[in-house]
Amino acid sequence: MATFVLVHGAFQGAWVYTKLAYLLRNAGHVVYTPTLTGTGERSHLANQKINLATHIQDVLNVFEFNDINDAILCGHSYGGMVITGVANLISSRIRSLYYIDAYVPSAGQSLMDITGPETALAFLSQAADTGDMIPPIPACVFNVNDNDAAWVDALSVPQPLATFVQAVREGEESAAVSTIKRSFLYATRNGGNWFDSTYSRLKENPEWRVHEFACGHCIMLDRPEELLSLLIAEEF
């Protein structure tokens, strides 16, 4: 038995891990799926002051108040920013890190730094019209499977701009994080090139385990059984 902490990406909530969490629990594992402040069932708390540090603290509190150790910490998309911040603060409590088609920041990088100026300007423009909240990106942009696309669109909510602007203090190359087993899972049909450079960089790095999934951005929705098999194969 192992303990999994699954961190969702921008605009979404714990609901995006429903399939994977069911499979993991059915296999006898303990699973935590925190919903980050201002999203999902906590969307009533949304405000412009929520930033990356808020979401890092959300996950730190899950570890603290549930006395979690030896955890397998997974982050999807924007969630990669969050788990990097968490791992740098409590590395001794984490067994492995899984970046599920996710951002892998270096020290001092924000999500906007990684996406580049064109995407950053688009986010800034959208936020200027909506009170510093970025409207959810449609599921079709991420090639979410047809059965789940409408559900994803219905439950996605705006994301505070500050979560994309604030940078991590320490990145994936830090002494703390480099001691943890790390895996990058690349969705080859994710609808964009957001993670192409990360994939190319990490697949040549012997300190990383890199895997491809022939599906859209939300691997946990498109290939939950395949994702489960990989997690089990690598951890047990």
C-alpha atoms as a PDB file:
ATOM      1  CA  MET A   1       0.000   0.000   0.000  1.00  0.00           C
ATOM      2  CA  ALA A   2       1.186   3.518  -0.822  1.00  0.00           C
ATOM      3  CA  THR A   3      -0.013   7.057  -0.285  1.00  0.00           C
ATOM      4  CA  PHE A   4      -0.763   9.211  -3.312  1.00  0.00           C
ATOM      5  CA  VAL A   5      -1.360  12.966  -3.312  1.00  0.00           C
ATOM      6  CA  LEU A   6      -2.841  14.105  -6.637  1.00  0.00           C
ATOM      7  CA  VAL A   7      -2.707  17.812  -7.470  1.00  0.00           C
ATOM      8  CA  HIS A   8      -4.872  19.085 -10.319  1.00  0.00           C
ATOM      9  CA  GLY A   9      -4.074  21.776 -12.868  1.00  0.00           C
ATOM     10  CA  ALA A  10      -5.450  25.241 -13.575  1.00  0.00           C
ATOM     11  CA  PHE A  11      -9.202  25.853 -13.903  1.00  0.00           C
ATOM     12  CA  GLN A  12     -10.059  22.375 -12.606  1.00  0.00           C
ATOM     13  CA  GLY A  13     -10.410  20.669  -9.223  1.00  0.00           C
ATOM     14  CA  ALA A  14     -10.105  17.334  -7.463  1.00  0.00           C
ATOM     15  CA  TRP A  15     -12.912  16.074  -9.695  1.00  0.00           C
ATOM     16  CA  VAL A  16     -10.475  15.653 -12.602  1.00  0.00           C
ATOM     17  CA  TYR A  17      -8.836  12.759 -10.696  1.00  0.00           C
ATOM     18  CA  THR A  18     -12.083  10.870 -10.053  1.00  0.00           C
ATOM     19  CA  LYS A  19     -11.218   7.957 -12.352  1.00  0.00           C
ATOM     20  CA  LEU A  20      -7.598   7.572 -11.256  1.00  0.00           C
ATOM     21  CA  ALA A  21      -8.390   7.958  -7.559  1.00  0.00           C
ATOM     22  CA  TYR A  22     -11.039   5.228  -7.821  1.00  0.00           C
ATOM     23  CA  LEU A  23      -8.579   2.861  -9.490  1.00  0.00           C
ATOM     24  CA  LEU A  24      -5.843   3.553  -6.946  1.00  0.00           C
ATOM     25  CA  ARG A  25      -8.165   3.104  -3.969  1.00  0.00           C
ATOM     26  CA  ASN A  26      -9.585  -0.062  -5.476  1.00  0.00           C
ATOM     27  CA  ALA A  27      -5.999  -1.354  -5.632  1.00  0.00           C
ATOM     28  CA  GLY A  28      -5.628  -0.718  -1.907  1.00  0.00           C
ATOM     29  CA  HIS A  29      -3.805   2.613  -1.857  1.00  0.00           C
ATOM     30  CA  VAL A  30      -4.496   5.747   0.176  1.00  0.00           C
ATOM     31  CA  VAL A  31      -5.330   8.719  -2.069  1.00  0.00           C
ATOM     32  CA  TYR A  32      -5.649  12.429  -1.311  1.00  0.00           C
ATOM     33  CA  THR A  33      -7.030  14.751  -3.984  1.00  0.00           C
ATOM     34  CA  PRO A  34      -6.896  18.301  -2.630  1.00  0.00           C
ATOM     35  CA  THR A  35      -8.833  20.991  -4.431  1.00  0.00           C
ATOM     36  CA  LEU A  36      -6.788  24.182  -4.650  1.00  0.00           C
ATOM     37  CA  THR A  37      -8.296  27.356  -3.207  1.00  0.00           C
ATOM     38  CA  GLY A  38     -10.718  29.066  -5.592  1.00  0.00           C
ATOM     39  CA  THR A  39     -11.314  26.063  -7.860  1.00  0.00           C
ATOM     40  CA  GLY A  40     -13.719  23.139  -7.998  1.00  0.00           C
ATOM     41  CA  GLU A  41     -15.944  22.890  -4.941  1.00  0.00           C
ATOM     42  CA  ARG A  42     -13.877  25.721  -3.422  1.00  0.00           C
ATOM     43  CA  SER A  43     -14.646  28.119  -6.278  1.00  0.00           C
ATOM     44  CA  HIS A  44     -16.725  30.254  -3.911  1.00  0.00           C
ATOM     45  CA  LEU A  45     -13.396  31.324  -2.374  1.00  0.00           C
ATOM     46  CA  ALA A  46     -11.982  32.609  -5.653  1.00  0.00           C
ATOM     47  CA  ASN A  47     -10.389  36.045  -5.597  1.00  0.00           C
ATOM     48  CA  GLN A  48      -7.593  37.966  -7.280  1.00  0.00           C
ATOM     49  CA  LYS A  49      -5.225  37.639  -4.302  1.00  0.00           C
ATOM     50  CA  ILE A  50      -4.849  33.876  -4.648  1.00  0.00           C
ATOM     51  CA  ASN A  51      -1.375  33.074  -5.955  1.00  0.00           C
ATOM     52  CA  LEU A  52       0.992  30.150  -6.383  1.00  0.00           C
ATOM     53  CA  ALA A  53       2.043  30.379  -2.734  1.00  0.00           C
ATOM     54  CA  THR A  54      -1.617  29.940  -1.714  1.00  0.00           C
ATOM     55  CA  HIS A  55      -1.848  26.706  -3.662  1.00  0.00           C
ATOM     56  CA  ILE A  56       1.483  25.435  -2.379  1.00  0.00           C
ATOM     57  CA  GLN A  57       0.214  26.034   1.152  1.00  0.00           C
ATOM     58  CA  ASP A  58      -2.997  24.152   0.324  1.00  0.00           C
ATOM     59  CA  VAL A  59      -0.979  21.025  -0.407  1.00  0.00           C
ATOM     60  CA  LEU A  60       1.434  21.534   2.485  1.00  0.00           C
ATOM     61  CA  ASN A  61      -1.579  21.592   4.807  1.00  0.00           C
ATOM     62  CA  VAL A  62      -2.812  18.283   3.385  1.00  0.00           C
ATOM     63  CA  PHE A  63       0.525  16.728   4.323  1.00  0.00           C
ATOM     64  CA  GLU A  64       0.593  18.363   7.758  1.00  0.00           C
ATOM     65  CA  PHE A  65      -2.965  17.727   8.883  1.00  0.00           C
ATOM     66  CA  ASN A  66      -3.020  14.144   7.586  1.00  0.00           C
ATOM     67  CA  ASP A  67       0.497  13.311   8.820  1.00  0.00           C
ATOM     68  CA  ILE A  68       1.536  12.156   5.345  1.00  0.00           C
ATOM     69  CA  ASN A  69       5.005  10.728   4.754  1.00  0.00           C
ATOM     70  CA  ASP A  70       6.626   8.688   1.971  1.00  0.00           C
ATOM     71  CA  ALA A  71       4.085  10.128  -0.471  1.00  0.00           C
ATOM     72  CA  ILE A  72       3.886   9.764  -4.218  1.00  0.00           C
ATOM     73  CA  LEU A  73       3.120  13.349  -5.231  1.00  0.00           C
ATOM     74  CA  CYS A  74       1.607  13.921  -8.676  1.00  0.00           C
ATOM     75  CA  GLY A  75       0.875  17.226 -10.401  1.00  0.00           C
ATOM     76  CA  HIS A  76      -0.958  17.823 -13.654  1.00  0.00           C
ATOM     77  CA  SER A  77      -0.236  20.838 -15.892  1.00  0.00           C
ATOM     78  CA  TYR A  78      -0.122  23.944 -13.633  1.00  0.00           C
ATOM     79  CA  GLY A  79       0.024  21.451 -10.777  1.00  0.00           C
ATOM     80  CA  GLY A  80       3.666  20.913 -11.701  1.00  0.00           C
ATOM     81  CA  MET A  81       4.382  24.413 -10.413  1.00  0.00           C
ATOM     82  CA  VAL A  82       2.628  23.562  -7.147  1.00  0.00           C
ATOM     83  CA  ILE A  83       4.333  20.231  -6.478  1.00  0.00           C
ATOM     84  CA  THR A  84       7.748  21.759  -7.212  1.00  0.00           C
ATOM     85  CA  GLY A  85       7.132  24.359  -4.512  1.00  0.00           C
ATOM     86  CA  VAL A  86       5.866  21.696  -2.114  1.00  0.00           C
ATOM     87  CA  ALA A  87       8.780  19.344  -2.753  1.00  0.00           C
ATOM     88  CA  ASN A  88      11.311  22.054  -2.048  1.00  0.00           C
ATOM     89  CA  LEU A  89       9.785  22.600   1.389  1.00  0.00           C
ATOM     90  CA  ILE A  90       9.084  19.021   2.527  1.00  0.00           C
ATOM     91  CA  SER A  91      11.297  16.806   0.372  1.00  0.00           C
ATOM     92  CA  SER A  92      11.840  14.315   3.216  1.00  0.00           C
ATOM     93  CA  ARG A  93       8.132  13.448   3.160  1.00  0.00           C
ATOM     94  CA  ILE A  94       7.999  12.651  -0.569  1.00  0.00           C
ATOM     95  CA  ARG A  95       9.018   9.366  -2.172  1.00  0.00           C
ATOM     96  CA  SER A  96       8.423  10.269  -5.819  1.00  0.00           C
ATOM     97  CA  LEU A  97       7.281  13.151  -8.001  1.00  0.00           C
ATOM     98  CA  TYR A  98       5.169  12.679 -11.132  1.00  0.00           C
ATOM     99  CA  TYR A  99       4.737  15.590 -13.527  1.00  0.00           C
ATOM    100  CA  ILE A 100       1.672  14.626 -15.561  1.00  0.00           C
ATOM    101  CA  ASP A 101       2.022  16.670 -18.758  1.00  0.00           C
ATOM    102  CA  ALA A 102       3.040  19.426 -16.387  1.00  0.00           C
ATOM    103  CA  TYR A 103       5.280  22.443 -15.983  1.00  0.00           C
ATOM    104  CA  VAL A 104       8.700  21.715 -14.480  1.00  0.00           C
ATOM    105  CA  PRO A 105      10.019  25.096 -13.334  1.00  0.00           C
ATOM    106  CA  SER A 106      13.557  26.128 -12.507  1.00  0.00           C
ATOM    107  CA  ALA A 107      14.325  28.525  -9.672  1.00  0.00           C
ATOM    108  CA  GLY A 108      12.718  31.926 -10.197  1.00  0.00           C
ATOM    109  CA  GLN A 109      10.430  30.798 -13.022  1.00  0.00           C
ATOM    110  CA  SER A 110       6.701  31.417 -13.218  1.00  0.00           C
ATOM    111  CA  LEU A 111       4.247  29.645 -15.467  1.00  0.00           C
ATOM    112  CA  MET A 112       4.246  32.705 -17.740  1.00  0.00           C
ATOM    113  CA  ASP A 113       8.044  32.617 -17.944  1.00  0.00           C
ATOM    114  CA  ILE A 114       7.848  29.046 -19.203  1.00  0.00           C
ATOM    115  CA  THR A 115       5.010  29.561 -21.673  1.00  0.00           C
ATOM    116  CA  GLY A 116       6.746  32.534 -23.300  1.00  0.00           C
ATOM    117  CA  PRO A 117       5.738  36.098 -24.149  1.00  0.00           C
ATOM    118  CA  GLU A 118       2.986  35.367 -26.678  1.00  0.00           C
ATOM    119  CA  THR A 119       0.968  33.151 -24.346  1.00  0.00           C
ATOM    120  CA  ALA A 120       1.730  35.410 -21.385  1.00  0.00           C
ATOM    121  CA  LEU A 121       0.341  38.429 -23.237  1.00  0.00           C
ATOM    122  CA  ALA A 122      -2.798  36.476 -24.099  1.00  0.00           C
ATOM    123  CA  PHE A 123      -3.330  35.614 -20.431  1.00  0.00           C
ATOM    124  CA  LEU A 124      -2.733  39.215 -19.396  1.00  0.00           C
ATOM    125  CA  SER A 125      -5.200  40.473 -21.988  1.00  0.00           C
ATOM    126  CA  GLN A 126      -7.879  38.026 -20.847  1.00  0.00           C
ATOM    127  CA  ALA A 127      -7.330  38.893 -17.205  1.00  0.00           C
ATOM    128  CA  ALA A 128      -7.553  42.621 -17.913  1.00  0.00           C
ATOM    129  CA  ASP A 129     -11.115  42.103 -19.120  1.00  0.00           C
ATOM    130  CA  THR A 130     -12.193  39.868 -16.230  1.00  0.00           C
ATOM    131  CA  GLY A 131     -10.777  41.406 -13.061  1.00  0.00           C
ATOM    132  CA  ASP A 132      -7.477  39.518 -13.002  1.00  0.00           C
ATOM    133  CA  MET A 133      -9.159  36.156 -13.492  1.00  0.00           C
ATOM    134  CA  ILE A 134      -8.258  34.050 -16.531  1.00  0.00           C
ATOM    135  CA  PRO A 135     -11.282  32.315 -18.092  1.00  0.00           C
ATOM    136  CA  PRO A 136     -11.037  28.532 -18.441  1.00  0.00           C
ATOM    137  CA  ILE A 137      -9.487  27.136 -21.590  1.00  0.00           C
ATOM    138  CA  PRO A 138     -11.996  24.925 -23.494  1.00  0.00           C
ATOM    139  CA  ALA A 139     -11.460  21.179 -23.225  1.00  0.00           C
ATOM    140  CA  CYS A 140     -11.230  20.885 -26.999  1.00  0.00           C
ATOM    141  CA  VAL A 141      -7.995  22.900 -26.956  1.00  0.00           C
ATOM    142  CA  PHE A 142      -6.448  20.149 -24.848  1.00  0.00           C
ATOM    143  CA  ASN A 143      -7.921  17.306 -26.907  1.00  0.00           C
ATOM    144  CA  VAL A 144      -9.872  15.939 -23.964  1.00  0.00           C
ATOM    145  CA  ASN A 145     -11.684  12.775 -25.029  1.00  0.00           C
ATOM    146  CA  ASP A 146     -15.202  13.194 -26.409  1.00  0.00           C
ATOM    147  CA  ASN A 147     -16.890  11.447 -23.479  1.00  0.00           C
ATOM    148  CA  ASP A 148     -15.424  13.847 -20.900  1.00  0.00           C
ATOM    149  CA  ALA A 149     -15.050  17.134 -22.782  1.00  0.00           C
ATOM    150  CA  ALA A 150     -18.471  18.595 -21.941  1.00  0.00           C
ATOM    151  CA  TRP A 151     -18.095  17.566 -18.292  1.00  0.00           C
ATOM    152  CA  VAL A 152     -14.681  19.255 -18.088  1.00  0.00           C
ATOM    153  CA  ASP A 153     -16.049  22.459 -19.616  1.00  0.00           C
ATOM    154  CA  ALA A 154     -19.008  22.483 -17.229  1.00  0.00           C
ATOM    155  CA  LEU A 155     -16.847  22.201 -14.098  1.00  0.00           C
ATOM    156  CA  SER A 156     -13.882  24.388 -15.081  1.00  0.00           C
ATOM    157  CA  VAL A 157     -13.701  27.834 -13.470  1.00  0.00           C
ATOM    158  CA  PRO A 158     -11.571  30.988 -13.893  1.00  0.00           C
ATOM    159  CA  GLN A 159      -8.006  30.956 -12.584  1.00  0.00           C
ATOM    160  CA  PRO A 160      -6.470  33.876 -10.652  1.00  0.00           C
ATOM    161  CA  LEU A 161      -3.835  35.600 -12.771  1.00  0.00           C
ATOM    162  CA  ALA A 162      -1.435  35.775  -9.808  1.00  0.00           C
ATOM    163  CA  THR A 163      -1.059  31.993  -9.824  1.00  0.00           C
ATOM    164  CA  PHE A 164       0.530  32.233 -13.276  1.00  0.00           C
ATOM    165  CA  VAL A 165       2.607  35.331 -12.498  1.00  0.00           C
ATOM    166  CA  GLN A 166       4.225  34.280  -9.234  1.00  0.00           C
ATOM    167  CA  ALA A 167       7.463  32.318  -9.579  1.00  0.00           C
ATOM    168  CA  VAL A 168       8.762  29.381  -7.561  1.00  0.00           C
ATOM    169  CA  ARG A 169      11.632  30.237  -5.239  1.00  0.00           C
ATOM    170  CA  GLU A 170      13.481  26.972  -5.857  1.00  0.00           C
ATOM    171  CA  GLY A 171      13.082  24.777  -8.912  1.00  0.00           C
ATOM    172  CA  GLU A 172      13.394  21.170  -9.963  1.00  0.00           C
ATOM    173  CA  GLU A 173      17.186  21.381 -10.001  1.00  0.00           C
ATOM    174  CA  SER A 174      17.473  22.215  -6.292  1.00  0.00           C
ATOM    175  CA  ALA A 175      19.368  19.977  -3.890  1.00  0.00           C
ATOM    176  CA  ALA A 176      16.120  19.086  -2.107  1.00  0.00           C
ATOM    177  CA  VAL A 177      14.167  18.022  -5.196  1.00  0.00           C
ATOM    178  CA  SER A 178      17.066  16.299  -6.943  1.00  0.00           C
ATOM    179  CA  THR A 179      17.115  13.672  -4.178  1.00  0.00           C
ATOM    180  CA  ILE A 180      13.554  12.592  -5.060  1.00  0.00           C
ATOM    181  CA  LYS A 181      12.674  10.120  -7.821  1.00  0.00           C
ATOM    182  CA  ARG A 182      11.143  12.160 -10.635  1.00  0.00           C
ATOM    183  CA  SER A 183       9.058  11.214 -13.661  1.00  0.00           C
ATOM    184  CA  PHE A 184       7.711  13.283 -16.534  1.00  0.00           C
ATOM    185  CA  LEU A 185       4.665  11.972 -18.395  1.00  0.00           C
ATOM    186  CA  TYR A 186       4.231  13.552 -21.805  1.00  0.00           C
ATOM    187  CA  ALA A 187       0.884  13.576 -23.629  1.00  0.00           C
ATOM    188  CA  THR A 188       1.776  13.455 -27.317  1.00  0.00           C
ATOM    189  CA  ARG A 189      -1.654  14.738 -28.437  1.00  0.00           C
ATOM    190  CA  ASN A 190      -2.149  17.458 -25.849  1.00  0.00           C
ATOM    191  CA  GLY A 191      -3.217  20.053 -28.396  1.00  0.00           C
ATOM    192  CA  GLY A 192      -0.185  22.337 -28.165  1.00  0.00           C
ATOM    193  CA  ASN A 193       3.554  22.582 -27.763  1.00  0.00           C
ATOM    194  CA  TRP A 194       3.577  23.746 -24.138  1.00  0.00           C
ATOM    195  CA  PHE A 195       5.693  20.836 -22.931  1.00  0.00           C
ATOM    196  CA  ASP A 196       7.727  19.939 -26.007  1.00  0.00           C
ATOM    197  CA  SER A 197      10.894  21.630 -24.790  1.00  0.00           C
ATOM    198  CA  THR A 198      10.503  20.134 -21.314  1.00  0.00           C
ATOM    199  CA  TYR A 199      10.058  16.679 -22.802  1.00  0.00           C
ATOM    200  CA  SER A 200      13.108  17.083 -25.054  1.00  0.00           C
ATOM    201  CA  ARG A 201      15.221  18.317 -22.150  1.00  0.00           C
ATOM    202  CA  LEU A 202      14.230  15.715 -19.599  1.00  0.00           C
ATOM    203  CA  LYS A 203      14.310  12.636 -21.811  1.00  0.00           C
ATOM    204  CA  GLU A 204      18.084  13.119 -22.143  1.00  0.00           C
ATOM    205  CA  ASN A 205      18.519  13.529 -18.383  1.00  0.00           C
ATOM    206  CA  PRO A 206      19.434  10.246 -16.639  1.00  0.00           C
ATOM    207  CA  GLU A 207      18.009  11.563 -13.368  1.00  0.00           C
ATOM    208  CA  TRP A 208      14.502  11.549 -14.840  1.00  0.00           C
ATOM    209  CA  ARG A 209      12.150   8.801 -15.969  1.00  0.00           C
ATOM    210  CA  VAL A 210      10.231   9.998 -19.041  1.00  0.00           C
ATOM    211  CA  HIS A 211       7.183   8.329 -20.591  1.00  0.00           C
ATOM    212  CA  GLU A 212       4.859   9.096 -23.491  1.00  0.00           C
ATOM    213  CA  PHE A 213       1.084   8.747 -23.575  1.00  0.00           C
ATOM    214  CA  ALA A 214      -0.702   8.863 -26.930  1.00  0.00           C
ATOM    215  CA  CYS A 215      -3.619  10.974 -25.742  1.00  0.00           C
ATOM    216  CA  GLY A 216      -4.789  14.461 -24.895  1.00  0.00           C
ATOM    217  CA  HIS A 217      -3.537  16.707 -22.109  1.00  0.00           C
ATOM    218  CA  CYS A 218      -5.652  15.161 -19.330  1.00  0.00           C
ATOM    219  CA  ILE A 219      -3.938  11.774 -19.170  1.00  0.00           C
ATOM    220  CA  MET A 220      -5.869  10.884 -16.001  1.00  0.00           C
ATOM    221  CA  LEU A 221      -9.113  11.170 -17.990  1.00  0.00           C
ATOM    222  CA  ASP A 222      -8.007   9.813 -21.349  1.00  0.00           C
ATOM    223  CA  ARG A 223      -5.793   6.939 -20.133  1.00  0.00           C
ATOM    224  CA  PRO A 224      -6.547   6.266 -16.449  1.00  0.00           C
ATOM    225  CA  GLU A 225      -5.838   2.529 -16.584  1.00  0.00           C
ATOM    226  CA  GLU A 226      -2.589   3.076 -18.477  1.00  0.00           C
ATOM    227  CA  LEU A 227      -1.550   5.730 -15.976  1.00  0.00           C
ATOM    228  CA  LEU A 228      -2.377   3.406 -13.093  1.00  0.00           C
ATOM    229  CA  SER A 229      -0.268   0.648 -14.635  1.00  0.00           C
ATOM    230  CA  LEU A 230       2.715   2.971 -14.974  1.00  0.00           C
ATOM    231  CA  LEU A 231       2.461   4.196 -11.383  1.00  0.00           C
ATOM    232  CA  ILE A 232       2.239   0.637 -10.078  1.00  0.00           C
ATOM    233  CA  ALA A 233       5.077  -0.594 -12.296  1.00  0.00           C
ATOM    234  CA  GLU A 234       7.447   2.200 -11.260  1.00  0.00           C
ATOM    235  CA  GLU A 235       6.653   2.199  -7.546  1.00  0.00           C
ATOM    236  CA  PHE A 236       6.232  -1.495  -6.713  1.00  0.00           C
END
